[in-house]
Amino acid sequence: MTITYDDFARVDIRVGTIVAAEPFPEARKPAIKLKVDFGPAIGVKKSSAQITVHYKLDELVGRQVAAVVNFAPRQIGPFMSEVLVLGFPDADGAVVMIAPDKKVPDGGRLF
């Protein structure tokens, strides 16, 4: 199926910097609670991310990530996830987050 550029543009993918990472033991699948700063226009948003295979809590703060910021919030157990942090599966299906290869301003939109 092909889509138009307008279809793509409806998905708002932004870059942000992780400012906090906490364990999420209540999640059904292993996950980490993230707070991601998307700059002054969007602010800090929360996300539950299934990234425990490749990432340790103390390595996450300060990393930039890409996320969809215009999905409706989603309740995950006792936690409200506000954005979807994006990644690709490795050979075993574990998430590898995507991020710019150089530092860019938080809140920048993917185009």
PDB file of N, CA and C in Angstrom:
ATOM      1  N   MET A   1       0.834  -1.168   0.000  1.00  0.00           N
ATOM      2  CA  MET A   1       0.000   0.000   0.000  1.00  0.00           C
ATOM      3  C   MET A   1       0.888   1.245   0.000  1.00  0.00           C
ATOM      4  N   THR A   2       0.588   2.178  -0.833  1.00  0.00           N
ATOM      5  CA  THR A   2       1.319   3.437  -0.840  1.00  0.00           C
ATOM      6  C   THR A   2       0.508   4.479  -0.083  1.00  0.00           C
ATOM      7  N   ILE A   3       1.215   5.483   0.433  1.00  0.00           N
ATOM      8  CA  ILE A   3       0.556   6.582   1.127  1.00  0.00           C
ATOM      9  C   ILE A   3       1.038   7.889   0.516  1.00  0.00           C
ATOM     10  N   THR A   4       0.332   8.944   0.811  1.00  0.00           N
ATOM     11  CA  THR A   4       0.743  10.260   0.346  1.00  0.00           C
ATOM     12  C   THR A   4       1.628  10.917   1.399  1.00  0.00           C
ATOM     13  N   TYR A   5       2.297  12.009   1.015  1.00  0.00           N
ATOM     14  CA  TYR A   5       3.088  12.742   1.986  1.00  0.00           C
ATOM     15  C   TYR A   5       2.176  13.281   3.103  1.00  0.00           C
ATOM     16  N   ASP A   6       0.957  13.680   2.754  1.00  0.00           N
ATOM     17  CA  ASP A   6       0.022  14.171   3.775  1.00  0.00           C
ATOM     18  C   ASP A   6      -0.274  13.094   4.822  1.00  0.00           C
ATOM     19  N   ASP A   7      -0.376  11.821   4.386  1.00  0.00           N
ATOM     20  CA  ASP A   7      -0.568  10.719   5.336  1.00  0.00           C
ATOM     21  C   ASP A   7       0.617  10.652   6.299  1.00  0.00           C
ATOM     22  N   PHE A   8       1.829  10.706   5.753  1.00  0.00           N
ATOM     23  CA  PHE A   8       3.045  10.662   6.571  1.00  0.00           C
ATOM     24  C   PHE A   8       3.091  11.850   7.529  1.00  0.00           C
ATOM     25  N   ALA A   9       2.734  13.028   7.044  1.00  0.00           N
ATOM     26  CA  ALA A   9       2.836  14.245   7.853  1.00  0.00           C
ATOM     27  C   ALA A   9       1.885  14.242   9.048  1.00  0.00           C
ATOM     28  N   ARG A  10       0.849  13.434   9.013  1.00  0.00           N
ATOM     29  CA  ARG A  10      -0.065  13.366  10.158  1.00  0.00           C
ATOM     30  C   ARG A  10       0.584  12.700  11.371  1.00  0.00           C
ATOM     31  N   VAL A  11       1.618  11.890  11.158  1.00  0.00           N
ATOM     32  CA  VAL A  11       2.333  11.250  12.264  1.00  0.00           C
ATOM     33  C   VAL A  11       3.433  12.214  12.711  1.00  0.00           C
ATOM     34  N   ASP A  12       3.298  12.741  13.914  1.00  0.00           N
ATOM     35  CA  ASP A  12       4.223  13.752  14.433  1.00  0.00           C
ATOM     36  C   ASP A  12       5.352  13.062  15.200  1.00  0.00           C
ATOM     37  N   ILE A  13       6.491  12.901  14.542  1.00  0.00           N
ATOM     38  CA  ILE A  13       7.663  12.248  15.142  1.00  0.00           C
ATOM     39  C   ILE A  13       8.663  13.334  15.505  1.00  0.00           C
ATOM     40  N   ARG A  14       8.995  13.382  16.781  1.00  0.00           N
ATOM     41  CA  ARG A  14       9.901  14.416  17.299  1.00  0.00           C
ATOM     42  C   ARG A  14      11.084  13.779  18.011  1.00  0.00           C
ATOM     43  N   VAL A  15      12.141  14.572  18.169  1.00  0.00           N
ATOM     44  CA  VAL A  15      13.303  14.146  18.937  1.00  0.00           C
ATOM     45  C   VAL A  15      13.220  14.777  20.323  1.00  0.00           C
ATOM     46  N   GLY A  16      13.632  13.995  21.317  1.00  0.00           N
ATOM     47  CA  GLY A  16      13.667  14.501  22.683  1.00  0.00           C
ATOM     48  C   GLY A  16      14.813  13.864  23.437  1.00  0.00           C
ATOM     49  N   THR A  17      15.104  14.422  24.599  1.00  0.00           N
ATOM     50  CA  THR A  17      16.177  13.906  25.451  1.00  0.00           C
ATOM     51  C   THR A  17      15.569  13.260  26.690  1.00  0.00           C
ATOM     52  N   ILE A  18      16.002  12.048  26.982  1.00  0.00           N
ATOM     53  CA  ILE A  18      15.532  11.349  28.187  1.00  0.00           C
ATOM     54  C   ILE A  18      16.076  12.087  29.409  1.00  0.00           C
ATOM     55  N   VAL A  19      15.160  12.500  30.304  1.00  0.00           N
ATOM     56  CA  VAL A  19      15.557  13.219  31.515  1.00  0.00           C
ATOM     57  C   VAL A  19      15.380  12.378  32.774  1.00  0.00           C
ATOM     58  N   ALA A  20      14.659  11.260  32.670  1.00  0.00           N
ATOM     59  CA  ALA A  20      14.478  10.354  33.813  1.00  0.00           C
ATOM     60  C   ALA A  20      14.141   8.963  33.287  1.00  0.00           C
ATOM     61  N   ALA A  21      14.623   7.949  33.991  1.00  0.00           N
ATOM     62  CA  ALA A  21      14.333   6.552  33.666  1.00  0.00           C
ATOM     63  C   ALA A  21      14.167   5.790  34.969  1.00  0.00           C
ATOM     64  N   GLU A  22      13.059   5.053  35.077  1.00  0.00           N
ATOM     65  CA  GLU A  22      12.753   4.304  36.297  1.00  0.00           C
ATOM     66  C   GLU A  22      12.318   2.891  35.939  1.00  0.00           C
ATOM     67  N   PRO A  23      12.534   1.949  36.850  1.00  0.00           N
ATOM     68  CA  PRO A  23      12.028   0.594  36.613  1.00  0.00           C
ATOM     69  C   PRO A  23      10.502   0.617  36.531  1.00  0.00           C
ATOM     70  N   PHE A  24       9.945  -0.359  35.838  1.00  0.00           N
ATOM     71  CA  PHE A  24       8.479  -0.488  35.728  1.00  0.00           C
ATOM     72  C   PHE A  24       8.119  -1.941  36.005  1.00  0.00           C
ATOM     73  N   PRO A  25       8.260  -2.369  37.277  1.00  0.00           N
ATOM     74  CA  PRO A  25       8.027  -3.778  37.606  1.00  0.00           C
ATOM     75  C   PRO A  25       6.579  -4.233  37.427  1.00  0.00           C
ATOM     76  N   GLU A  26       5.623  -3.291  37.408  1.00  0.00           N
ATOM     77  CA  GLU A  26       4.212  -3.660  37.264  1.00  0.00           C
ATOM     78  C   GLU A  26       3.841  -4.018  35.816  1.00  0.00           C
ATOM     79  N   ALA A  27       4.683  -3.690  34.859  1.00  0.00           N
ATOM     80  CA  ALA A  27       4.379  -3.962  33.448  1.00  0.00           C
ATOM     81  C   ALA A  27       4.345  -5.466  33.189  1.00  0.00           C
ATOM     82  N   ARG A  28       3.447  -5.883  32.289  1.00  0.00           N
ATOM     83  CA  ARG A  28       3.361  -7.317  31.946  1.00  0.00           C
ATOM     84  C   ARG A  28       4.626  -7.795  31.253  1.00  0.00           C
ATOM     85  N   LYS A  29       5.163  -6.983  30.340  1.00  0.00           N
ATOM     86  CA  LYS A  29       6.425  -7.299  29.674  1.00  0.00           C
ATOM     87  C   LYS A  29       7.469  -6.367  30.259  1.00  0.00           C
ATOM     88  N   PRO A  30       8.719  -6.821  30.397  1.00  0.00           N
ATOM     89  CA  PRO A  30       9.746  -5.955  30.989  1.00  0.00           C
ATOM     90  C   PRO A  30       9.822  -4.604  30.284  1.00  0.00           C
ATOM     91  N   ALA A  31       9.770  -3.536  31.073  1.00  0.00           N
ATOM     92  CA  ALA A  31       9.751  -2.187  30.514  1.00  0.00           C
ATOM     93  C   ALA A  31      10.414  -1.201  31.474  1.00  0.00           C
ATOM     94  N   ILE A  32      10.663  -0.022  30.945  1.00  0.00           N
ATOM     95  CA  ILE A  32      11.237   1.076  31.714  1.00  0.00           C
ATOM     96  C   ILE A  32      10.338   2.293  31.518  1.00  0.00           C
ATOM     97  N   LYS A  33      10.068   3.032  32.605  1.00  0.00           N
ATOM     98  CA  LYS A  33       9.332   4.289  32.517  1.00  0.00           C
ATOM     99  C   LYS A  33      10.326   5.384  32.154  1.00  0.00           C
ATOM    100  N   LEU A  34      10.002   6.131  31.112  1.00  0.00           N
ATOM    101  CA  LEU A  34      10.865   7.226  30.676  1.00  0.00           C
ATOM    102  C   LEU A  34      10.135   8.549  30.779  1.00  0.00           C
ATOM    103  N   LYS A  35      10.882   9.606  31.066  1.00  0.00           N
ATOM    104  CA  LYS A  35      10.409  10.977  30.900  1.00  0.00           C
ATOM    105  C   LYS A  35      11.327  11.585  29.850  1.00  0.00           C
ATOM    106  N   VAL A  36      10.706  12.133  28.793  1.00  0.00           N
ATOM    107  CA  VAL A  36      11.464  12.646  27.653  1.00  0.00           C
ATOM    108  C   VAL A  36      11.114  14.117  27.451  1.00  0.00           C
ATOM    109  N   ASP A  37      12.157  14.963  27.376  1.00  0.00           N
ATOM    110  CA  ASP A  37      11.972  16.401  27.174  1.00  0.00           C
ATOM    111  C   ASP A  37      12.000  16.707  25.677  1.00  0.00           C
ATOM    112  N   PHE A  38      10.856  17.197  25.167  1.00  0.00           N
ATOM    113  CA  PHE A  38      10.736  17.536  23.754  1.00  0.00           C
ATOM    114  C   PHE A  38      10.833  19.042  23.523  1.00  0.00           C
ATOM    115  N   GLY A  39      11.424  19.767  24.444  1.00  0.00           N
ATOM    116  CA  GLY A  39      11.605  21.205  24.274  1.00  0.00           C
ATOM    117  C   GLY A  39      10.401  21.990  24.750  1.00  0.00           C
ATOM    118  N   PRO A  40      10.496  23.333  24.697  1.00  0.00           N
ATOM    119  CA  PRO A  40       9.470  24.187  25.298  1.00  0.00           C
ATOM    120  C   PRO A  40       8.084  24.081  24.657  1.00  0.00           C
ATOM    121  N   ALA A  41       7.985  23.790  23.382  1.00  0.00           N
ATOM    122  CA  ALA A  41       6.670  23.751  22.731  1.00  0.00           C
ATOM    123  C   ALA A  41       5.847  22.531  23.154  1.00  0.00           C
ATOM    124  N   ILE A  42       6.511  21.407  23.444  1.00  0.00           N
ATOM    125  CA  ILE A  42       5.810  20.166  23.791  1.00  0.00           C
ATOM    126  C   ILE A  42       5.999  19.808  25.260  1.00  0.00           C
ATOM    127  N   GLY A  43       7.180  20.060  25.790  1.00  0.00           N
ATOM    128  CA  GLY A  43       7.463  19.782  27.186  1.00  0.00           C
ATOM    129  C   GLY A  43       7.925  18.361  27.438  1.00  0.00           C
ATOM    130  N   VAL A  44       7.866  17.950  28.695  1.00  0.00           N
ATOM    131  CA  VAL A  44       8.295  16.623  29.122  1.00  0.00           C
ATOM    132  C   VAL A  44       7.100  15.674  29.053  1.00  0.00           C
ATOM    133  N   LYS A  45       7.279  14.542  28.394  1.00  0.00           N
ATOM    134  CA  LYS A  45       6.218  13.539  28.242  1.00  0.00           C
ATOM    135  C   LYS A  45       6.719  12.202  28.776  1.00  0.00           C
ATOM    136  N   LYS A  46       5.770  11.355  29.197  1.00  0.00           N
ATOM    137  CA  LYS A  46       6.090  10.040  29.762  1.00  0.00           C
ATOM    138  C   LYS A  46       5.882   8.942  28.721  1.00  0.00           C
ATOM    139  N   SER A  47       6.696   7.887  28.846  1.00  0.00           N
ATOM    140  CA  SER A  47       6.545   6.735  27.962  1.00  0.00           C
ATOM    141  C   SER A  47       6.974   5.471  28.690  1.00  0.00           C
ATOM    142  N   SER A  48       6.275   4.389  28.397  1.00  0.00           N
ATOM    143  CA  SER A  48       6.694   3.065  28.845  1.00  0.00           C
ATOM    144  C   SER A  48       7.362   2.408  27.653  1.00  0.00           C
ATOM    145  N   ALA A  49       8.611   1.997  27.825  1.00  0.00           N
ATOM    146  CA  ALA A  49       9.367   1.448  26.702  1.00  0.00           C
ATOM    147  C   ALA A  49       9.923   0.071  27.052  1.00  0.00           C
ATOM    148  N   GLN A  50       9.703  -0.890  26.166  1.00  0.00           N
ATOM    149  CA  GLN A  50      10.204  -2.257  26.355  1.00  0.00           C
ATOM    150  C   GLN A  50      11.635  -2.341  25.817  1.00  0.00           C
ATOM    151  N   ILE A  51      12.556  -1.717  26.554  1.00  0.00           N
ATOM    152  CA  ILE A  51      13.941  -1.576  26.093  1.00  0.00           C
ATOM    153  C   ILE A  51      14.941  -2.189  27.066  1.00  0.00           C
ATOM    154  N   THR A  52      14.484  -3.113  27.913  1.00  0.00           N
ATOM    155  CA  THR A  52      15.332  -3.623  28.998  1.00  0.00           C
ATOM    156  C   THR A  52      16.466  -4.528  28.524  1.00  0.00           C
ATOM    157  N   VAL A  53      16.393  -5.068  27.322  1.00  0.00           N
ATOM    158  CA  VAL A  53      17.447  -5.976  26.844  1.00  0.00           C
ATOM    159  C   VAL A  53      18.745  -5.221  26.570  1.00  0.00           C
ATOM    160  N   HIS A  54      18.652  -4.081  25.902  1.00  0.00           N
ATOM    161  CA  HIS A  54      19.857  -3.366  25.457  1.00  0.00           C
ATOM    162  C   HIS A  54      20.220  -2.135  26.282  1.00  0.00           C
ATOM    163  N   TYR A  55      19.341  -1.714  27.202  1.00  0.00           N
ATOM    164  CA  TYR A  55      19.581  -0.455  27.900  1.00  0.00           C
ATOM    165  C   TYR A  55      19.437  -0.620  29.407  1.00  0.00           C
ATOM    166  N   LYS A  56      20.361  -0.021  30.141  1.00  0.00           N
ATOM    167  CA  LYS A  56      20.337   0.013  31.601  1.00  0.00           C
ATOM    168  C   LYS A  56      19.857   1.404  32.039  1.00  0.00           C
ATOM    169  N   LEU A  57      19.187   1.455  33.190  1.00  0.00           N
ATOM    170  CA  LEU A  57      18.640   2.725  33.674  1.00  0.00           C
ATOM    171  C   LEU A  57      19.685   3.841  33.690  1.00  0.00           C
ATOM    172  N   ASP A  58      20.877   3.543  34.207  1.00  0.00           N
ATOM    173  CA  ASP A  58      21.885   4.590  34.361  1.00  0.00           C
ATOM    174  C   ASP A  58      22.506   5.035  33.041  1.00  0.00           C
ATOM    175  N   GLU A  59      22.198   4.370  31.924  1.00  0.00           N
ATOM    176  CA  GLU A  59      22.717   4.750  30.611  1.00  0.00           C
ATOM    177  C   GLU A  59      21.738   5.623  29.820  1.00  0.00           C
ATOM    178  N   LEU A  60      20.515   5.736  30.288  1.00  0.00           N
ATOM    179  CA  LEU A  60      19.471   6.346  29.472  1.00  0.00           C
ATOM    180  C   LEU A  60      19.370   7.863  29.582  1.00  0.00           C
ATOM    181  N   VAL A  61      19.542   8.408  30.770  1.00  0.00           N
ATOM    182  CA  VAL A  61      19.401   9.851  30.951  1.00  0.00           C
ATOM    183  C   VAL A  61      20.458  10.565  30.097  1.00  0.00           C
ATOM    184  N   GLY A  62      19.965  11.548  29.322  1.00  0.00           N
ATOM    185  CA  GLY A  62      20.849  12.311  28.438  1.00  0.00           C
ATOM    186  C   GLY A  62      20.838  11.834  26.994  1.00  0.00           C
ATOM    187  N   ARG A  63      20.288  10.647  26.729  1.00  0.00           N
ATOM    188  CA  ARG A  63      20.211  10.129  25.355  1.00  0.00           C
ATOM    189  C   ARG A  63      19.063  10.790  24.611  1.00  0.00           C
ATOM    190  N   GLN A  64      19.283  11.078  23.355  1.00  0.00           N
ATOM    191  CA  GLN A  64      18.180  11.550  22.524  1.00  0.00           C
ATOM    192  C   GLN A  64      17.477  10.349  21.903  1.00  0.00           C
ATOM    193  N   VAL A  65      16.155  10.485  21.729  1.00  0.00           N
ATOM    194  CA  VAL A  65      15.334   9.432  21.132  1.00  0.00           C
ATOM    195  C   VAL A  65      14.320  10.072  20.196  1.00  0.00           C
ATOM    196  N   ALA A  66      13.777   9.254  19.305  1.00  0.00           N
ATOM    197  CA  ALA A  66      12.679   9.689  18.444  1.00  0.00           C
ATOM    198  C   ALA A  66      11.395   9.083  18.991  1.00  0.00           C
ATOM    199  N   ALA A  67      10.309   9.842  18.918  1.00  0.00           N
ATOM    200  CA  ALA A  67       9.031   9.355  19.435  1.00  0.00           C
ATOM    201  C   ALA A  67       7.872   9.976  18.672  1.00  0.00           C
ATOM    202  N   VAL A  68       6.776   9.222  18.590  1.00  0.00           N
ATOM    203  CA  VAL A  68       5.521   9.756  18.069  1.00  0.00           C
ATOM    204  C   VAL A  68       4.859  10.500  19.222  1.00  0.00           C
ATOM    205  N   VAL A  69       4.586  11.786  19.011  1.00  0.00           N
ATOM    206  CA  VAL A  69       4.045  12.597  20.102  1.00  0.00           C
ATOM    207  C   VAL A  69       2.559  12.919  19.946  1.00  0.00           C
ATOM    208  N   ASN A  70       1.924  12.460  18.856  1.00  0.00           N
ATOM    209  CA  ASN A  70       0.510  12.802  18.682  1.00  0.00           C
ATOM    210  C   ASN A  70      -0.428  11.597  18.712  1.00  0.00           C
ATOM    211  N   PHE A  71       0.001  10.489  19.338  1.00  0.00           N
ATOM    212  CA  PHE A  71      -0.929   9.410  19.647  1.00  0.00           C
ATOM    213  C   PHE A  71      -1.703   9.794  20.903  1.00  0.00           C
ATOM    214  N   ALA A  72      -2.900   9.270  21.049  1.00  0.00           N
ATOM    215  CA  ALA A  72      -3.639   9.460  22.292  1.00  0.00           C
ATOM    216  C   ALA A  72      -2.885   8.760  23.429  1.00  0.00           C
ATOM    217  N   PRO A  73      -2.897   9.320  24.640  1.00  0.00           N
ATOM    218  CA  PRO A  73      -2.255   8.645  25.772  1.00  0.00           C
ATOM    219  C   PRO A  73      -2.826   7.238  25.960  1.00  0.00           C
ATOM    220  N   ARG A  74      -1.972   6.341  26.455  1.00  0.00           N
ATOM    221  CA  ARG A  74      -2.383   4.942  26.621  1.00  0.00           C
ATOM    222  C   ARG A  74      -2.060   4.482  28.038  1.00  0.00           C
ATOM    223  N   GLN A  75      -3.055   3.918  28.699  1.00  0.00           N
ATOM    224  CA  GLN A  75      -2.876   3.393  30.051  1.00  0.00           C
ATOM    225  C   GLN A  75      -2.170   2.049  29.973  1.00  0.00           C
ATOM    226  N   ILE A  76      -1.039   1.934  30.648  1.00  0.00           N
ATOM    227  CA  ILE A  76      -0.287   0.676  30.705  1.00  0.00           C
ATOM    228  C   ILE A  76      -0.156   0.334  32.182  1.00  0.00           C
ATOM    229  N   GLY A  77      -1.025  -0.563  32.652  1.00  0.00           N
ATOM    230  CA  GLY A  77      -1.072  -0.850  34.081  1.00  0.00           C
ATOM    231  C   GLY A  77      -1.376   0.434  34.829  1.00  0.00           C
ATOM    232  N   PRO A  78      -0.586   0.755  35.854  1.00  0.00           N
ATOM    233  CA  PRO A  78      -0.843   1.966  36.636  1.00  0.00           C
ATOM    234  C   PRO A  78      -0.218   3.233  36.028  1.00  0.00           C
ATOM    235  N   PHE A  79       0.335   3.135  34.826  1.00  0.00           N
ATOM    236  CA  PHE A  79       1.119   4.217  34.220  1.00  0.00           C
ATOM    237  C   PHE A  79       0.453   4.709  32.942  1.00  0.00           C
ATOM    238  N   MET A  80       0.390   6.033  32.769  1.00  0.00           N
ATOM    239  CA  MET A  80      -0.151   6.619  31.545  1.00  0.00           C
ATOM    240  C   MET A  80       1.004   6.984  30.613  1.00  0.00           C
ATOM    241  N   SER A  81       1.102   6.287  29.485  1.00  0.00           N
ATOM    242  CA  SER A  81       2.138   6.550  28.493  1.00  0.00           C
ATOM    243  C   SER A  81       1.620   7.587  27.508  1.00  0.00           C
ATOM    244  N   GLU A  82       2.381   8.669  27.329  1.00  0.00           N
ATOM    245  CA  GLU A  82       1.919   9.797  26.517  1.00  0.00           C
ATOM    246  C   GLU A  82       2.522   9.828  25.114  1.00  0.00           C
ATOM    247  N   VAL A  83       3.670   9.183  24.917  1.00  0.00           N
ATOM    248  CA  VAL A  83       4.336   9.162  23.610  1.00  0.00           C
ATOM    249  C   VAL A  83       4.848   7.755  23.341  1.00  0.00           C
ATOM    250  N   LEU A  84       5.091   7.452  22.069  1.00  0.00           N
ATOM    251  CA  LEU A  84       5.638   6.159  21.671  1.00  0.00           C
ATOM    252  C   LEU A  84       7.074   6.343  21.230  1.00  0.00           C
ATOM    253  N   VAL A  85       8.024   5.877  22.056  1.00  0.00           N
ATOM    254  CA  VAL A  85       9.434   5.913  21.698  1.00  0.00           C
ATOM    255  C   VAL A  85       9.649   4.874  20.602  1.00  0.00           C
ATOM    256  N   LEU A  86      10.379   5.239  19.559  1.00  0.00           N
ATOM    257  CA  LEU A  86      10.524   4.392  18.378  1.00  0.00           C
ATOM    258  C   LEU A  86      11.820   3.586  18.390  1.00  0.00           C
ATOM    259  N   GLY A  87      11.749   2.407  17.809  1.00  0.00           N
ATOM    260  CA  GLY A  87      12.923   1.552  17.698  1.00  0.00           C
ATOM    261  C   GLY A  87      12.722   0.507  16.634  1.00  0.00           C
ATOM    262  N   PHE A  88      13.782  -0.236  16.391  1.00  0.00           N
ATOM    263  CA  PHE A  88      13.762  -1.362  15.459  1.00  0.00           C
ATOM    264  C   PHE A  88      14.091  -2.635  16.221  1.00  0.00           C
ATOM    265  N   PRO A  89      13.589  -3.784  15.771  1.00  0.00           N
ATOM    266  CA  PRO A  89      13.947  -5.042  16.436  1.00  0.00           C
ATOM    267  C   PRO A  89      15.345  -5.498  16.017  1.00  0.00           C
ATOM    268  N   ASP A  90      16.103  -6.027  16.987  1.00  0.00           N
ATOM    269  CA  ASP A  90      17.369  -6.666  16.635  1.00  0.00           C
ATOM    270  C   ASP A  90      17.057  -8.070  16.111  1.00  0.00           C
ATOM    271  N   ALA A  91      18.071  -8.881  15.872  1.00  0.00           N
ATOM    272  CA  ALA A  91      17.875 -10.221  15.302  1.00  0.00           C
ATOM    273  C   ALA A  91      16.995 -11.110  16.179  1.00  0.00           C
ATOM    274  N   ASP A  92      16.940 -10.810  17.483  1.00  0.00           N
ATOM    275  CA  ASP A  92      16.127 -11.611  18.404  1.00  0.00           C
ATOM    276  C   ASP A  92      14.794 -10.945  18.748  1.00  0.00           C
ATOM    277  N   GLY A  93      14.519  -9.786  18.156  1.00  0.00           N
ATOM    278  CA  GLY A  93      13.262  -9.099  18.407  1.00  0.00           C
ATOM    279  C   GLY A  93      13.307  -8.057  19.515  1.00  0.00           C
ATOM    280  N   ALA A  94      14.454  -7.871  20.166  1.00  0.00           N
ATOM    281  CA  ALA A  94      14.567  -6.867  21.228  1.00  0.00           C
ATOM    282  C   ALA A  94      14.691  -5.472  20.607  1.00  0.00           C
ATOM    283  N   VAL A  95      14.147  -4.479  21.288  1.00  0.00           N
ATOM    284  CA  VAL A  95      14.097  -3.125  20.753  1.00  0.00           C
ATOM    285  C   VAL A  95      15.454  -2.427  20.827  1.00  0.00           C
ATOM    286  N   VAL A  96      15.831  -1.809  19.694  1.00  0.00           N
ATOM    287  CA  VAL A  96      16.974  -0.907  19.608  1.00  0.00           C
ATOM    288  C   VAL A  96      16.392   0.455  19.244  1.00  0.00           C
ATOM    289  N   MET A  97      16.506   1.422  20.150  1.00  0.00           N
ATOM    290  CA  MET A  97      15.911   2.735  19.920  1.00  0.00           C
ATOM    291  C   MET A  97      16.584   3.445  18.753  1.00  0.00           C
ATOM    292  N   ILE A  98      15.805   4.285  18.068  1.00  0.00           N
ATOM    293  CA  ILE A  98      16.378   5.099  17.008  1.00  0.00           C
ATOM    294  C   ILE A  98      16.587   6.513  17.525  1.00  0.00           C
ATOM    295  N   ALA A  99      17.645   7.154  17.034  1.00  0.00           N
ATOM    296  CA  ALA A  99      18.003   8.493  17.477  1.00  0.00           C
ATOM    297  C   ALA A  99      18.877   9.135  16.408  1.00  0.00           C
ATOM    298  N   PRO A 100      18.955  10.467  16.402  1.00  0.00           N
ATOM    299  CA  PRO A 100      19.860  11.121  15.458  1.00  0.00           C
ATOM    300  C   PRO A 100      21.307  10.763  15.791  1.00  0.00           C
ATOM    301  N   ASP A 101      22.167  10.743  14.775  1.00  0.00           N
ATOM    302  CA  ASP A 101      23.569  10.399  15.035  1.00  0.00           C
ATOM    303  C   ASP A 101      24.392  11.608  15.459  1.00  0.00           C
ATOM    304  N   LYS A 102      23.794  12.787  15.455  1.00  0.00           N
ATOM    305  CA  LYS A 102      24.411  13.994  15.991  1.00  0.00           C
ATOM    306  C   LYS A 102      23.366  14.681  16.871  1.00  0.00           C
ATOM    307  N   LYS A 103      23.802  15.422  17.881  1.00  0.00           N
ATOM    308  CA  LYS A 103      22.909  16.152  18.769  1.00  0.00           C
ATOM    309  C   LYS A 103      22.120  17.183  17.967  1.00  0.00           C
ATOM    310  N   VAL A 104      20.808  17.202  18.177  1.00  0.00           N
ATOM    311  CA  VAL A 104      19.935  18.187  17.523  1.00  0.00           C
ATOM    312  C   VAL A 104      19.037  18.810  18.594  1.00  0.00           C
ATOM    313  N   PRO A 105      18.425  19.961  18.310  1.00  0.00           N
ATOM    314  CA  PRO A 105      17.562  20.585  19.310  1.00  0.00           C
ATOM    315  C   PRO A 105      16.349  19.716  19.628  1.00  0.00           C
ATOM    316  N   ASP A 106      16.040  19.587  20.920  1.00  0.00           N
ATOM    317  CA  ASP A 106      14.850  18.838  21.331  1.00  0.00           C
ATOM    318  C   ASP A 106      13.605  19.462  20.719  1.00  0.00           C
ATOM    319  N   GLY A 107      12.688  18.616  20.301  1.00  0.00           N
ATOM    320  CA  GLY A 107      11.438  19.066  19.698  1.00  0.00           C
ATOM    321  C   GLY A 107      11.476  19.095  18.186  1.00  0.00           C
ATOM    322  N   GLY A 108      12.652  18.883  17.586  1.00  0.00           N
ATOM    323  CA  GLY A 108      12.744  18.873  16.127  1.00  0.00           C
ATOM    324  C   GLY A 108      11.852  17.779  15.542  1.00  0.00           C
ATOM    325  N   ARG A 109      11.199  18.112  14.438  1.00  0.00           N
ATOM    326  CA  ARG A 109      10.260  17.181  13.804  1.00  0.00           C
ATOM    327  C   ARG A 109      10.940  16.433  12.658  1.00  0.00           C
ATOM    328  N   LEU A 110      10.671  15.137  12.596  1.00  0.00           N
ATOM    329  CA  LEU A 110      11.176  14.305  11.502  1.00  0.00           C
ATOM    330  C   LEU A 110      10.484  14.697  10.207  1.00  0.00           C
ATOM    331  N   PHE A 111      11.269  14.827   9.141  1.00  0.00           N
ATOM    332  CA  PHE A 111      10.686  15.081   7.820  1.00  0.00           C
ATOM    333  C   PHE A 111      11.413  14.271   6.787  1.00  0.00           C
TER     334      PHE A 111
END
